[in-house]
Protein backbone atom coordinates (compact mmCIF):
# COMPACT_ATOMS: atom_id res chain seq x y z
CA MET A 1 80.52 74.82 79.33
CA GLY A 2 79.95 78.77 79.70
CA SER A 3 82.22 82.00 78.89
CA VAL A 4 85.12 82.91 80.27
CA GLU A 5 84.62 86.51 79.10
CA PRO A 6 81.91 88.01 81.88
CA MET A 7 84.67 86.77 84.77
CA GLU A 8 87.11 88.45 82.94
CA GLU A 9 85.19 91.88 82.95
CA GLU A 10 84.41 90.76 86.67
CA ILE A 11 88.28 90.70 87.26
CA LYS A 12 88.50 94.05 85.58
CA GLU A 13 86.47 95.56 87.87
CA LEU A 14 87.49 94.43 90.83
CA ALA A 15 90.76 95.56 90.04
CA LYS A 16 89.94 98.79 89.09
CA ASP A 17 88.14 98.88 92.59
CA VAL A 18 91.75 97.68 94.27
CA TYR A 19 93.33 100.40 92.90
CA ARG A 20 90.70 103.17 93.40
CA LEU A 21 91.00 101.63 97.01
CA ALA A 22 94.63 101.79 96.96
CA ARG A 23 94.96 105.12 95.79
CA LEU A 24 92.31 106.82 98.53
CA GLU A 25 94.26 105.08 101.06
CA VAL A 26 97.94 106.88 99.53
CA ASN A 27 95.97 109.99 99.60
CA GLU A 28 95.04 109.85 103.20
CA LYS A 29 98.58 109.14 104.26
CA GLN A 30 100.05 111.76 101.61
CA GLY A 31 97.78 113.96 103.74
CA SER A 32 99.81 113.27 106.97
CA ASP A 33 103.10 113.02 106.25
CA PRO A 34 104.95 116.72 106.64
CA ILE A 35 107.63 116.32 103.89
CA LEU A 36 104.71 115.47 101.23
CA LEU A 37 101.93 118.10 102.51
CA GLN A 38 105.24 120.87 101.86
CA LEU A 39 105.65 119.05 98.35
CA LYS A 40 101.79 119.56 97.51
CA GLY A 41 102.37 123.03 98.55
CA VAL A 42 105.46 123.79 95.76
CA VAL A 43 103.37 121.51 93.49
CA HIS A 44 100.47 124.15 93.60
CA GLN A 45 102.57 126.86 93.45
CA GLN A 46 104.07 125.24 89.81
CA ARG A 47 107.44 125.78 91.25
CA VAL A 48 108.76 122.06 90.32
CA ASP A 49 108.43 120.23 87.12
CA VAL A 50 109.20 116.33 88.12
CA LEU A 51 106.35 116.77 90.55
CA SER A 52 102.38 116.86 89.86
CA ARG A 53 98.86 116.11 91.80
CA GLY A 54 96.38 114.29 90.28
CA GLU A 55 92.80 115.45 89.92
CA ASP A 56 92.47 113.71 93.36
CA GLY A 57 95.11 115.80 94.78
CA VAL A 58 97.55 112.65 95.02
CA LEU A 59 101.61 113.70 94.69
CA HIS A 60 103.33 112.13 92.13
CA TYR A 61 107.14 112.44 91.48
CA GLN A 62 107.78 111.93 87.25
CA GLY A 63 104.50 109.90 86.92
CA ARG A 64 104.80 107.48 89.87
CA LEU A 65 102.87 107.75 93.26
CA CYS A 66 104.72 109.31 96.23
CA VAL A 67 104.11 106.88 99.29
CA SER A 68 104.19 107.85 102.28
CA LYS A 69 106.97 105.56 104.98
CA VAL A 70 104.56 103.97 107.38
CA GLY A 71 104.78 102.09 110.37
CA GLU A 72 108.46 101.73 110.31
């Protein structure tokens, strides 16, 4: 019987890909949300400590992703 180690590596890579895709979608949605766009501007001016922008421009509040309200 083969080792499960190669499968575990594939699962880890798949999880990383899913995470990257999710961040791309969040970043795209943030770009169309007027409130989050305004908050990004405030963060860019460094007037708020609890908000930050990641290297990819994604907005975070206290270390958590800011996700736009979509499709209500």
